[in-house]
Amino acid sequence: MTRTGRGALLLILLLAAAAVSGLLLGAANVVPADVWRALTGQETDPSARTIVLSLRLPRVTAAALTGIALTISGTLFQALLRNPLAEPYLLGVSSGAALGAVLALTALGGVLGYLGTVGFALAGGLAAIGIVFRVALAVGRLDTHVLILAGVVVSAFFGAGVMLLLSLAEPDATRAAVLWTMGSLERAGWGSTVALGLVTAAGGTVSFALSRHLNALALGEEAAAYLGARVELVRRSAYFIASLLAAVAVSTAGVIGFVGLVIPHGARMIWGSDHRRLLPLGALGGAAALVLADTVARVALRPLELPVGVVTALLGVPLFLVLLRRSYA
């Protein structure tokens, strides 16, 4: 078996182990036999069936899909900018989505429910993408420096909007909004998970189709054009896909840091920069990492639940420092 094959097998086993842990562990105790019966449609305790099929299974699925979306987004940004420190929220997607979610939770009092919050968050993230791209394209071509500067400015503007709404909101609404911005899969349901899965599958497929062109771009724009890549079209498509995946992930799970930064960086160190390997292997790693982090968030201080964004930061920062040291040692 090749090195890539061994890596894929290891990551699949790790993802399977993380998913099983996510189904078995939580605030309520459910024995493995009841989990198995619920998954296979056999007779079991009704409360155990509800916990497994309506709460834990969609949550584990949403965590895996969010990890995949953030990892692919981070991989694309790092390839396009040729910078291993690029991350999915670079273009103001997180602050735009946060403004939409906080607006739904505070000014509208949360009356729209979870799916309404997700819809507002997605609209905010897409609005941020639209503004950033509109500014960047004003110079006639997609200039990377203008794109990043526009992302910083738009992020600051939407961030100010979030602070304004939080300062005017009622305490209960403020708490709900703050917890959402920390990242949480607590309210993940099948509706938002299916939508996330469709967008992630489409974005991942197109990203993999662009992998050969991304490899060419790593050599520089002139070399990529010489090799037959339509540089401007590839860059615009990849930027949009990366931003869309980040927006959908944030709209579903809130702002979860370090997954889209650490996982692509680590995968590149292990398997190299060929995106035909890096994208699928990184996606598996991102899915396993976030499912595991969400399980830790649920059981670390049981019955209390930590925001998963806090767990990814606590685990991701030291891991990234180790990777950074190894990269430049």
C-alpha atoms as a PDB file:
ATOM      1  CA  MET A   1       0.000   0.000   0.000  1.00  0.00           C
ATOM      2  CA  THR A   2       1.287   3.457  -0.901  1.00  0.00           C
ATOM      3  CA  ARG A   3       1.961   6.170   1.645  1.00  0.00           C
ATOM      4  CA  THR A   4      -1.156   8.018   0.474  1.00  0.00           C
ATOM      5  CA  GLY A   5      -3.245   4.875   0.819  1.00  0.00           C
ATOM      6  CA  ARG A   6      -1.964   4.240   4.329  1.00  0.00           C
ATOM      7  CA  GLY A   7      -2.701   7.846   5.265  1.00  0.00           C
ATOM      8  CA  ALA A   8      -6.235   7.625   3.881  1.00  0.00           C
ATOM      9  CA  LEU A   9      -6.898   4.368   5.745  1.00  0.00           C
ATOM     10  CA  LEU A  10      -5.563   5.809   9.004  1.00  0.00           C
ATOM     11  CA  LEU A  11      -7.713   8.938   8.674  1.00  0.00           C
ATOM     12  CA  ILE A  12     -10.841   6.910   7.836  1.00  0.00           C
ATOM     13  CA  LEU A  13     -10.281   4.774  10.945  1.00  0.00           C
ATOM     14  CA  LEU A  14      -9.691   7.917  13.030  1.00  0.00           C
ATOM     15  CA  LEU A  15     -12.901   9.500  11.689  1.00  0.00           C
ATOM     16  CA  ALA A  16     -14.849   6.295  12.401  1.00  0.00           C
ATOM     17  CA  ALA A  17     -13.496   6.175  15.968  1.00  0.00           C
ATOM     18  CA  ALA A  18     -14.345   9.858  16.513  1.00  0.00           C
ATOM     19  CA  ALA A  19     -17.873   9.328  15.146  1.00  0.00           C
ATOM     20  CA  VAL A  20     -18.466   6.319  17.407  1.00  0.00           C
ATOM     21  CA  SER A  21     -17.247   8.344  20.396  1.00  0.00           C
ATOM     22  CA  GLY A  22     -19.571  11.181  19.427  1.00  0.00           C
ATOM     23  CA  LEU A  23     -22.539   8.815  19.332  1.00  0.00           C
ATOM     24  CA  LEU A  24     -21.695   7.081  22.608  1.00  0.00           C
ATOM     25  CA  LEU A  25     -20.661  10.044  24.768  1.00  0.00           C
ATOM     26  CA  GLY A  26     -22.653  13.035  25.944  1.00  0.00           C
ATOM     27  CA  ALA A  27     -24.581  14.553  28.812  1.00  0.00           C
ATOM     28  CA  ALA A  28     -26.922  11.537  28.937  1.00  0.00           C
ATOM     29  CA  ASN A  29     -25.631   7.990  29.341  1.00  0.00           C
ATOM     30  CA  VAL A  30     -26.617   5.694  26.461  1.00  0.00           C
ATOM     31  CA  VAL A  31     -25.227   2.156  26.425  1.00  0.00           C
ATOM     32  CA  PRO A  32     -23.545   0.943  23.202  1.00  0.00           C
ATOM     33  CA  ALA A  33     -26.244  -1.688  22.649  1.00  0.00           C
ATOM     34  CA  ASP A  34     -28.971   0.980  22.549  1.00  0.00           C
ATOM     35  CA  VAL A  35     -26.899   3.081  20.137  1.00  0.00           C
ATOM     36  CA  TRP A  36     -26.520   0.089  17.818  1.00  0.00           C
ATOM     37  CA  ARG A  37     -30.228  -0.777  17.977  1.00  0.00           C
ATOM     38  CA  ALA A  38     -31.205   2.829  17.247  1.00  0.00           C
ATOM     39  CA  LEU A  39     -28.875   3.012  14.242  1.00  0.00           C
ATOM     40  CA  THR A  40     -30.056  -0.325  12.822  1.00  0.00           C
ATOM     41  CA  GLY A  41     -33.768   0.330  13.406  1.00  0.00           C
ATOM     42  CA  GLN A  42     -34.248  -2.341  16.050  1.00  0.00           C
ATOM     43  CA  GLU A  43     -36.498  -2.082  19.099  1.00  0.00           C
ATOM     44  CA  THR A  44     -34.883   0.023  21.827  1.00  0.00           C
ATOM     45  CA  ASP A  45     -35.649   2.546  24.539  1.00  0.00           C
ATOM     46  CA  PRO A  46     -37.547   5.514  22.968  1.00  0.00           C
ATOM     47  CA  SER A  47     -35.465   8.118  24.805  1.00  0.00           C
ATOM     48  CA  ALA A  48     -32.238   6.457  23.652  1.00  0.00           C
ATOM     49  CA  ARG A  49     -33.534   6.413  20.063  1.00  0.00           C
ATOM     50  CA  THR A  50     -34.360  10.124  20.238  1.00  0.00           C
ATOM     51  CA  ILE A  51     -30.949  11.000  21.705  1.00  0.00           C
ATOM     52  CA  VAL A  52     -29.059   8.994  19.083  1.00  0.00           C
ATOM     53  CA  LEU A  53     -31.057   9.724  15.923  1.00  0.00           C
ATOM     54  CA  SER A  54     -32.349  13.248  16.575  1.00  0.00           C
ATOM     55  CA  LEU A  55     -29.509  14.775  18.613  1.00  0.00           C
ATOM     56  CA  ARG A  56     -26.171  12.993  18.364  1.00  0.00           C
ATOM     57  CA  LEU A  57     -26.225  11.621  14.815  1.00  0.00           C
ATOM     58  CA  PRO A  58     -27.058  14.955  13.117  1.00  0.00           C
ATOM     59  CA  ARG A  59     -24.537  16.666  15.383  1.00  0.00           C
ATOM     60  CA  VAL A  60     -21.730  14.249  14.503  1.00  0.00           C
ATOM     61  CA  THR A  61     -22.639  14.553  10.814  1.00  0.00           C
ATOM     62  CA  ALA A  62     -22.690  18.365  11.002  1.00  0.00           C
ATOM     63  CA  ALA A  63     -19.322  18.389  12.795  1.00  0.00           C
ATOM     64  CA  ALA A  64     -17.743  16.193  10.111  1.00  0.00           C
ATOM     65  CA  LEU A  65     -19.155  18.298   7.260  1.00  0.00           C
ATOM     66  CA  THR A  66     -18.117  21.553   8.941  1.00  0.00           C
ATOM     67  CA  GLY A  67     -14.597  20.206   9.396  1.00  0.00           C
ATOM     68  CA  ILE A  68     -14.455  19.224   5.722  1.00  0.00           C
ATOM     69  CA  ALA A  69     -15.760  22.623   4.562  1.00  0.00           C
ATOM     70  CA  LEU A  70     -13.315  24.599   6.723  1.00  0.00           C
ATOM     71  CA  THR A  71     -10.356  22.409   5.724  1.00  0.00           C
ATOM     72  CA  ILE A  72     -11.045  22.658   1.994  1.00  0.00           C
ATOM     73  CA  SER A  73     -11.566  26.414   2.352  1.00  0.00           C
ATOM     74  CA  GLY A  74      -8.279  26.825   4.218  1.00  0.00           C
ATOM     75  CA  THR A  75      -6.429  24.644   1.706  1.00  0.00           C
ATOM     76  CA  LEU A  76      -7.689  26.766  -1.189  1.00  0.00           C
ATOM     77  CA  PHE A  77      -6.756  30.048   0.498  1.00  0.00           C
ATOM     78  CA  GLN A  78      -3.276  28.770   1.346  1.00  0.00           C
ATOM     79  CA  ALA A  79      -2.790  27.640  -2.269  1.00  0.00           C
ATOM     80  CA  LEU A  80      -4.084  30.857  -3.827  1.00  0.00           C
ATOM     81  CA  LEU A  81      -2.082  33.153  -1.556  1.00  0.00           C
ATOM     82  CA  ARG A  82       0.916  30.788  -1.425  1.00  0.00           C
ATOM     83  CA  ASN A  83       0.907  31.371   2.317  1.00  0.00           C
ATOM     84  CA  PRO A  84       0.607  28.489   4.832  1.00  0.00           C
ATOM     85  CA  LEU A  85      -0.834  30.925   7.401  1.00  0.00           C
ATOM     86  CA  ALA A  86      -3.914  31.818   5.342  1.00  0.00           C
ATOM     87  CA  GLU A  87      -7.221  30.699   6.863  1.00  0.00           C
ATOM     88  CA  PRO A  88     -10.906  30.444   5.868  1.00  0.00           C
ATOM     89  CA  TYR A  89     -12.066  33.670   7.512  1.00  0.00           C
ATOM     90  CA  LEU A  90      -9.553  35.849   5.688  1.00  0.00           C
ATOM     91  CA  LEU A  91     -12.091  37.751   3.578  1.00  0.00           C
ATOM     92  CA  GLY A  92     -14.472  38.804   6.349  1.00  0.00           C
ATOM     93  CA  VAL A  93     -16.805  35.826   5.985  1.00  0.00           C
ATOM     94  CA  SER A  94     -16.898  35.117   9.721  1.00  0.00           C
ATOM     95  CA  SER A  95     -17.754  38.676  10.736  1.00  0.00           C
ATOM     96  CA  GLY A  96     -20.450  38.932   8.056  1.00  0.00           C
ATOM     97  CA  ALA A  97     -22.041  35.662   9.152  1.00  0.00           C
ATOM     98  CA  ALA A  98     -21.721  36.692  12.800  1.00  0.00           C
ATOM     99  CA  LEU A  99     -23.569  39.955  12.100  1.00  0.00           C
ATOM    100  CA  GLY A 100     -26.401  38.051  10.407  1.00  0.00           C
ATOM    101  CA  ALA A 101     -26.712  35.569  13.276  1.00  0.00           C
ATOM    102  CA  VAL A 102     -26.505  38.224  15.991  1.00  0.00           C
ATOM    103  CA  LEU A 103     -29.154  40.264  14.165  1.00  0.00           C
ATOM    104  CA  ALA A 104     -31.477  37.242  14.168  1.00  0.00           C
ATOM    105  CA  LEU A 105     -30.809  36.472  17.839  1.00  0.00           C
ATOM    106  CA  THR A 106     -30.969  39.999  19.247  1.00  0.00           C
ATOM    107  CA  ALA A 107     -32.895  42.513  17.134  1.00  0.00           C
ATOM    108  CA  LEU A 108     -35.411  39.844  16.027  1.00  0.00           C
ATOM    109  CA  GLY A 109     -35.484  38.169  19.436  1.00  0.00           C
ATOM    110  CA  GLY A 110     -34.687  34.719  18.080  1.00  0.00           C
ATOM    111  CA  VAL A 111     -38.283  34.296  16.865  1.00  0.00           C
ATOM    112  CA  LEU A 112     -37.074  32.775  13.589  1.00  0.00           C
ATOM    113  CA  GLY A 113     -35.601  29.750  15.346  1.00  0.00           C
ATOM    114  CA  TYR A 114     -32.388  27.924  14.548  1.00  0.00           C
ATOM    115  CA  LEU A 115     -32.933  27.674  10.790  1.00  0.00           C
ATOM    116  CA  GLY A 116     -33.753  31.385  10.675  1.00  0.00           C
ATOM    117  CA  THR A 117     -30.486  32.150  12.456  1.00  0.00           C
ATOM    118  CA  VAL A 118     -28.634  29.920   9.996  1.00  0.00           C
ATOM    119  CA  GLY A 119     -30.296  31.705   7.074  1.00  0.00           C
ATOM    120  CA  PHE A 120     -29.403  35.164   8.378  1.00  0.00           C
ATOM    121  CA  ALA A 121     -25.818  34.038   9.086  1.00  0.00           C
ATOM    122  CA  LEU A 122     -25.443  32.652   5.575  1.00  0.00           C
ATOM    123  CA  ALA A 123     -26.855  35.852   4.090  1.00  0.00           C
ATOM    124  CA  GLY A 124     -24.385  37.917   6.130  1.00  0.00           C
ATOM    125  CA  GLY A 125     -21.449  35.755   5.050  1.00  0.00           C
ATOM    126  CA  LEU A 126     -22.449  35.954   1.385  1.00  0.00           C
ATOM    127  CA  ALA A 127     -22.923  39.720   1.677  1.00  0.00           C
ATOM    128  CA  ALA A 128     -19.376  40.045   3.019  1.00  0.00           C
ATOM    129  CA  ILE A 129     -18.054  37.950   0.122  1.00  0.00           C
ATOM    130  CA  GLY A 130     -19.972  40.078  -2.391  1.00  0.00           C
ATOM    131  CA  ILE A 131     -18.657  43.374  -1.005  1.00  0.00           C
ATOM    132  CA  VAL A 132     -15.052  42.152  -0.837  1.00  0.00           C
ATOM    133  CA  PHE A 133     -15.105  40.781  -4.385  1.00  0.00           C
ATOM    134  CA  ARG A 134     -16.793  43.934  -5.699  1.00  0.00           C
ATOM    135  CA  VAL A 135     -14.061  46.104  -4.200  1.00  0.00           C
ATOM    136  CA  ALA A 136     -11.263  43.802  -5.370  1.00  0.00           C
ATOM    137  CA  LEU A 137     -12.584  43.659  -8.940  1.00  0.00           C
ATOM    138  CA  ALA A 138     -12.807  47.457  -9.147  1.00  0.00           C
ATOM    139  CA  VAL A 139      -9.170  47.500 -10.276  1.00  0.00           C
ATOM    140  CA  GLY A 140     -10.051  45.375 -13.319  1.00  0.00           C
ATOM    141  CA  ARG A 141      -8.613  42.053 -12.113  1.00  0.00           C
ATOM    142  CA  LEU A 142      -8.666  40.000  -8.940  1.00  0.00           C
ATOM    143  CA  ASP A 143      -5.680  41.526  -7.165  1.00  0.00           C
ATOM    144  CA  THR A 144      -4.682  39.505  -4.088  1.00  0.00           C
ATOM    145  CA  HIS A 145      -3.457  42.480  -2.072  1.00  0.00           C
ATOM    146  CA  VAL A 146      -6.640  44.470  -2.700  1.00  0.00           C
ATOM    147  CA  LEU A 147      -8.692  41.382  -1.846  1.00  0.00           C
ATOM    148  CA  ILE A 148      -7.020  40.954   1.551  1.00  0.00           C
ATOM    149  CA  LEU A 149      -7.225  44.658   2.377  1.00  0.00           C
ATOM    150  CA  ALA A 150     -10.912  44.710   1.454  1.00  0.00           C
ATOM    151  CA  GLY A 151     -11.456  41.636   3.632  1.00  0.00           C
ATOM    152  CA  VAL A 152      -9.815  43.318   6.622  1.00  0.00           C
ATOM    153  CA  VAL A 153     -11.888  46.483   6.227  1.00  0.00           C
ATOM    154  CA  VAL A 154     -15.182  44.646   5.685  1.00  0.00           C
ATOM    155  CA  SER A 155     -14.432  42.402   8.666  1.00  0.00           C
ATOM    156  CA  ALA A 156     -13.846  45.442  10.874  1.00  0.00           C
ATOM    157  CA  PHE A 157     -17.083  47.064   9.679  1.00  0.00           C
ATOM    158  CA  PHE A 158     -19.247  43.986  10.292  1.00  0.00           C
ATOM    159  CA  GLY A 159     -17.470  43.389  13.604  1.00  0.00           C
ATOM    160  CA  ALA A 160     -18.474  46.895  14.697  1.00  0.00           C
ATOM    161  CA  GLY A 161     -22.061  46.061  13.745  1.00  0.00           C
ATOM    162  CA  VAL A 162     -21.922  42.954  15.950  1.00  0.00           C
ATOM    163  CA  MET A 163     -20.644  44.993  18.905  1.00  0.00           C
ATOM    164  CA  LEU A 164     -23.395  47.579  18.379  1.00  0.00           C
ATOM    165  CA  LEU A 165     -26.136  44.954  18.392  1.00  0.00           C
ATOM    166  CA  LEU A 166     -24.714  43.228  21.464  1.00  0.00           C
ATOM    167  CA  SER A 167     -24.500  46.522  23.361  1.00  0.00           C
ATOM    168  CA  LEU A 168     -28.200  47.204  22.722  1.00  0.00           C
ATOM    169  CA  ALA A 169     -29.556  43.686  23.244  1.00  0.00           C
ATOM    170  CA  GLU A 170     -31.220  42.116  26.270  1.00  0.00           C
ATOM    171  CA  PRO A 171     -28.948  39.983  28.500  1.00  0.00           C
ATOM    172  CA  ASP A 172     -30.460  36.632  27.452  1.00  0.00           C
ATOM    173  CA  ALA A 173     -30.201  37.457  23.763  1.00  0.00           C
ATOM    174  CA  THR A 174     -26.647  38.722  24.256  1.00  0.00           C
ATOM    175  CA  ARG A 175     -25.623  35.457  25.919  1.00  0.00           C
ATOM    176  CA  ALA A 176     -27.117  33.373  23.104  1.00  0.00           C
ATOM    177  CA  ALA A 177     -25.393  35.513  20.478  1.00  0.00           C
ATOM    178  CA  VAL A 178     -22.011  35.405  22.229  1.00  0.00           C
ATOM    179  CA  LEU A 179     -22.209  31.617  22.585  1.00  0.00           C
ATOM    180  CA  TRP A 180     -23.016  31.332  18.882  1.00  0.00           C
ATOM    181  CA  THR A 181     -20.002  33.440  17.890  1.00  0.00           C
ATOM    182  CA  MET A 182     -17.783  31.097  19.955  1.00  0.00           C
ATOM    183  CA  GLY A 183     -18.828  28.183  17.780  1.00  0.00           C
ATOM    184  CA  SER A 184     -21.400  25.566  18.739  1.00  0.00           C
ATOM    185  CA  LEU A 185     -23.043  22.514  17.192  1.00  0.00           C
ATOM    186  CA  GLU A 186     -25.505  22.143  20.049  1.00  0.00           C
ATOM    187  CA  ARG A 187     -28.561  22.927  17.933  1.00  0.00           C
ATOM    188  CA  ALA A 188     -27.482  21.198  14.725  1.00  0.00           C
ATOM    189  CA  GLY A 189     -30.439  19.519  13.003  1.00  0.00           C
ATOM    190  CA  TRP A 190     -31.011  17.551   9.844  1.00  0.00           C
ATOM    191  CA  GLY A 191     -32.304  20.529   7.825  1.00  0.00           C
ATOM    192  CA  SER A 192     -29.174  22.664   8.106  1.00  0.00           C
ATOM    193  CA  THR A 193     -26.930  19.573   7.982  1.00  0.00           C
ATOM    194  CA  VAL A 194     -28.366  18.406   4.658  1.00  0.00           C
ATOM    195  CA  ALA A 195     -27.886  21.905   3.177  1.00  0.00           C
ATOM    196  CA  LEU A 196     -24.324  22.004   4.502  1.00  0.00           C
ATOM    197  CA  GLY A 197     -23.674  18.556   3.013  1.00  0.00           C
ATOM    198  CA  LEU A 198     -24.921  19.532  -0.446  1.00  0.00           C
ATOM    199  CA  VAL A 199     -22.812  22.705  -0.574  1.00  0.00           C
ATOM    200  CA  THR A 200     -19.747  20.930   0.830  1.00  0.00           C
ATOM    201  CA  ALA A 201     -20.062  18.065  -1.672  1.00  0.00           C
ATOM    202  CA  ALA A 202     -20.402  20.481  -4.593  1.00  0.00           C
ATOM    203  CA  GLY A 203     -17.562  22.721  -3.385  1.00  0.00           C
ATOM    204  CA  GLY A 204     -15.292  19.761  -2.685  1.00  0.00           C
ATOM    205  CA  THR A 205     -15.937  18.261  -6.130  1.00  0.00           C
ATOM    206  CA  VAL A 206     -15.141  21.505  -7.943  1.00  0.00           C
ATOM    207  CA  SER A 207     -12.074  22.071  -5.740  1.00  0.00           C
ATOM    208  CA  PHE A 208     -10.711  18.619  -6.598  1.00  0.00           C
ATOM    209  CA  ALA A 209     -11.355  19.303 -10.288  1.00  0.00           C
ATOM    210  CA  LEU A 210      -9.192  22.435  -9.932  1.00  0.00           C
ATOM    211  CA  SER A 211      -6.372  20.589  -8.119  1.00  0.00           C
ATOM    212  CA  ARG A 212      -4.124  20.309 -11.178  1.00  0.00           C
ATOM    213  CA  HIS A 213      -4.466  24.049 -11.839  1.00  0.00           C
ATOM    214  CA  LEU A 214      -3.778  24.814  -8.171  1.00  0.00           C
ATOM    215  CA  ASN A 215      -0.564  22.798  -8.466  1.00  0.00           C
ATOM    216  CA  ALA A 216       0.383  24.900 -11.483  1.00  0.00           C
ATOM    217  CA  LEU A 217      -0.374  28.150  -9.625  1.00  0.00           C
ATOM    218  CA  ALA A 218       2.130  27.126  -6.958  1.00  0.00           C
ATOM    219  CA  LEU A 219       4.834  27.644  -9.604  1.00  0.00           C
ATOM    220  CA  GLY A 220       3.691  31.226 -10.223  1.00  0.00           C
ATOM    221  CA  GLU A 221       1.066  32.807 -12.471  1.00  0.00           C
ATOM    222  CA  GLU A 222       3.292  33.001 -15.550  1.00  0.00           C
ATOM    223  CA  ALA A 223       4.335  29.368 -15.263  1.00  0.00           C
ATOM    224  CA  ALA A 224       0.720  28.325 -14.691  1.00  0.00           C
ATOM    225  CA  ALA A 225      -0.427  30.198 -17.809  1.00  0.00           C
ATOM    226  CA  TYR A 226       2.387  28.579 -19.802  1.00  0.00           C
ATOM    227  CA  LEU A 227       1.178  25.156 -18.610  1.00  0.00           C
ATOM    228  CA  GLY A 228      -2.312  25.888 -19.921  1.00  0.00           C
ATOM    229  CA  ALA A 229      -4.126  27.058 -16.802  1.00  0.00           C
ATOM    230  CA  ARG A 230      -6.679  29.848 -17.211  1.00  0.00           C
ATOM    231  CA  VAL A 231      -5.199  31.687 -14.272  1.00  0.00           C
ATOM    232  CA  GLU A 232      -7.806  34.390 -13.700  1.00  0.00           C
ATOM    233  CA  LEU A 233     -10.759  32.009 -14.036  1.00  0.00           C
ATOM    234  CA  VAL A 234      -9.138  29.466 -11.704  1.00  0.00           C
ATOM    235  CA  ARG A 235      -8.350  32.104  -9.098  1.00  0.00           C
ATOM    236  CA  ARG A 236     -11.851  33.602  -9.149  1.00  0.00           C
ATOM    237  CA  SER A 237     -13.499  30.185  -8.969  1.00  0.00           C
ATOM    238  CA  ALA A 238     -11.274  28.981  -6.124  1.00  0.00           C
ATOM    239  CA  TYR A 239     -11.689  32.207  -4.124  1.00  0.00           C
ATOM    240  CA  PHE A 240     -15.463  32.018  -4.452  1.00  0.00           C
ATOM    241  CA  ILE A 241     -15.636  28.319  -3.502  1.00  0.00           C
ATOM    242  CA  ALA A 242     -13.358  28.857  -0.493  1.00  0.00           C
ATOM    243  CA  SER A 243     -15.446  31.808   0.708  1.00  0.00           C
ATOM    244  CA  LEU A 244     -18.757  29.998   0.115  1.00  0.00           C
ATOM    245  CA  LEU A 245     -17.623  26.928   2.069  1.00  0.00           C
ATOM    246  CA  ALA A 246     -16.477  29.129   4.948  1.00  0.00           C
ATOM    247  CA  ALA A 247     -19.775  31.049   4.929  1.00  0.00           C
ATOM    248  CA  VAL A 248     -21.877  27.866   4.996  1.00  0.00           C
ATOM    249  CA  ALA A 249     -19.735  26.374   7.778  1.00  0.00           C
ATOM    250  CA  VAL A 250     -20.017  29.528   9.903  1.00  0.00           C
ATOM    251  CA  SER A 251     -23.756  29.802   9.304  1.00  0.00           C
ATOM    252  CA  THR A 252     -24.238  26.265  10.630  1.00  0.00           C
ATOM    253  CA  ALA A 253     -21.747  26.074  13.494  1.00  0.00           C
ATOM    254  CA  GLY A 254     -20.654  29.615  14.334  1.00  0.00           C
ATOM    255  CA  VAL A 255     -17.046  30.766  14.261  1.00  0.00           C
ATOM    256  CA  ILE A 256     -14.711  27.787  14.753  1.00  0.00           C
ATOM    257  CA  GLY A 257     -11.051  28.673  14.495  1.00  0.00           C
ATOM    258  CA  PHE A 258      -7.849  26.774  13.725  1.00  0.00           C
ATOM    259  CA  VAL A 259      -9.413  23.793  11.904  1.00  0.00           C
ATOM    260  CA  GLY A 260      -9.023  25.487   8.519  1.00  0.00           C
ATOM    261  CA  LEU A 261      -5.527  26.670   9.455  1.00  0.00           C
ATOM    262  CA  VAL A 262      -3.896  23.758  11.282  1.00  0.00           C
ATOM    263  CA  ILE A 263      -5.280  20.772   9.339  1.00  0.00           C
ATOM    264  CA  PRO A 264      -4.239  21.931   5.818  1.00  0.00           C
ATOM    265  CA  HIS A 265      -0.855  23.049   7.161  1.00  0.00           C
ATOM    266  CA  GLY A 266      -0.244  19.702   8.869  1.00  0.00           C
ATOM    267  CA  ALA A 267      -1.492  17.693   5.879  1.00  0.00           C
ATOM    268  CA  ARG A 268       0.859  19.589   3.583  1.00  0.00           C
ATOM    269  CA  MET A 269       3.806  18.781   5.842  1.00  0.00           C
ATOM    270  CA  ILE A 270       2.950  15.067   5.807  1.00  0.00           C
ATOM    271  CA  TRP A 271       1.755  14.439   2.249  1.00  0.00           C
ATOM    272  CA  GLY A 272       3.247  17.309   0.284  1.00  0.00           C
ATOM    273  CA  SER A 273       1.663  20.051  -1.796  1.00  0.00           C
ATOM    274  CA  ASP A 274      -0.010  17.998  -4.531  1.00  0.00           C
ATOM    275  CA  HIS A 275      -3.650  19.058  -4.186  1.00  0.00           C
ATOM    276  CA  ARG A 276      -4.856  15.794  -5.710  1.00  0.00           C
ATOM    277  CA  ARG A 277      -3.772  14.189  -2.416  1.00  0.00           C
ATOM    278  CA  LEU A 278      -3.929  17.197  -0.127  1.00  0.00           C
ATOM    279  CA  LEU A 279      -7.617  18.034  -0.631  1.00  0.00           C
ATOM    280  CA  PRO A 280      -9.159  14.592   0.080  1.00  0.00           C
ATOM    281  CA  LEU A 281      -6.717  13.665   2.860  1.00  0.00           C
ATOM    282  CA  GLY A 282      -7.051  17.079   4.487  1.00  0.00           C
ATOM    283  CA  ALA A 283     -10.850  16.821   4.307  1.00  0.00           C
ATOM    284  CA  LEU A 284     -10.759  13.485   6.159  1.00  0.00           C
ATOM    285  CA  GLY A 285      -8.449  14.984   8.771  1.00  0.00           C
ATOM    286  CA  GLY A 286     -10.647  18.038   9.232  1.00  0.00           C
ATOM    287  CA  ALA A 287     -13.762  15.917   9.661  1.00  0.00           C
ATOM    288  CA  ALA A 288     -12.116  13.677  12.270  1.00  0.00           C
ATOM    289  CA  ALA A 289     -10.603  16.635  14.130  1.00  0.00           C
ATOM    290  CA  LEU A 290     -13.867  18.561  14.499  1.00  0.00           C
ATOM    291  CA  VAL A 291     -15.944  15.508  15.446  1.00  0.00           C
ATOM    292  CA  LEU A 292     -13.375  14.742  18.143  1.00  0.00           C
ATOM    293  CA  ALA A 293     -13.274  18.375  19.322  1.00  0.00           C
ATOM    294  CA  ASP A 294     -17.075  18.513  19.543  1.00  0.00           C
ATOM    295  CA  THR A 295     -17.128  15.306  21.590  1.00  0.00           C
ATOM    296  CA  VAL A 296     -14.559  16.798  23.977  1.00  0.00           C
ATOM    297  CA  ALA A 297     -16.685  19.948  24.218  1.00  0.00           C
ATOM    298  CA  ARG A 298     -19.663  17.850  25.308  1.00  0.00           C
ATOM    299  CA  VAL A 299     -17.970  15.644  27.907  1.00  0.00           C
ATOM    300  CA  ALA A 300     -15.066  17.692  29.330  1.00  0.00           C
ATOM    301  CA  LEU A 301     -17.216  19.512  31.920  1.00  0.00           C
ATOM    302  CA  ARG A 302     -20.337  17.348  31.755  1.00  0.00           C
ATOM    303  CA  PRO A 303     -23.207  18.251  32.213  1.00  0.00           C
ATOM    304  CA  LEU A 304     -21.991  21.702  31.132  1.00  0.00           C
ATOM    305  CA  GLU A 305     -21.038  22.079  27.476  1.00  0.00           C
ATOM    306  CA  LEU A 306     -18.089  24.077  26.180  1.00  0.00           C
ATOM    307  CA  PRO A 307     -18.271  26.014  22.902  1.00  0.00           C
ATOM    308  CA  VAL A 308     -16.471  23.887  20.328  1.00  0.00           C
ATOM    309  CA  GLY A 309     -14.578  26.972  19.114  1.00  0.00           C
ATOM    310  CA  VAL A 310     -12.953  27.182  22.548  1.00  0.00           C
ATOM    311  CA  VAL A 311     -11.843  23.531  22.326  1.00  0.00           C
ATOM    312  CA  THR A 312     -10.388  23.918  18.817  1.00  0.00           C
ATOM    313  CA  ALA A 313      -8.443  26.988  19.974  1.00  0.00           C
ATOM    314  CA  LEU A 314      -7.131  25.295  23.126  1.00  0.00           C
ATOM    315  CA  LEU A 315      -6.028  22.237  21.156  1.00  0.00           C
ATOM    316  CA  GLY A 316      -5.135  23.990  17.910  1.00  0.00           C
ATOM    317  CA  VAL A 317      -2.799  26.690  19.235  1.00  0.00           C
ATOM    318  CA  PRO A 318      -0.174  24.360  20.791  1.00  0.00           C
ATOM    319  CA  LEU A 319      -0.430  21.966  17.843  1.00  0.00           C
ATOM    320  CA  PHE A 320       0.085  24.794  15.375  1.00  0.00           C
ATOM    321  CA  LEU A 321       3.087  26.085  17.322  1.00  0.00           C
ATOM    322  CA  VAL A 322       4.629  22.596  17.109  1.00  0.00           C
ATOM    323  CA  LEU A 323       3.976  22.434  13.362  1.00  0.00           C
ATOM    324  CA  LEU A 324       5.360  25.928  12.907  1.00  0.00           C
ATOM    325  CA  ARG A 325       8.536  25.032  14.760  1.00  0.00           C
ATOM    326  CA  ARG A 326       9.000  21.890  12.701  1.00  0.00           C
ATOM    327  CA  SER A 327       8.390  23.823   9.480  1.00  0.00           C
ATOM    328  CA  TYR A 328      11.157  26.314  10.135  1.00  0.00           C
ATOM    329  CA  ALA A 329      13.521  24.201  12.228  1.00  0.00           C
END
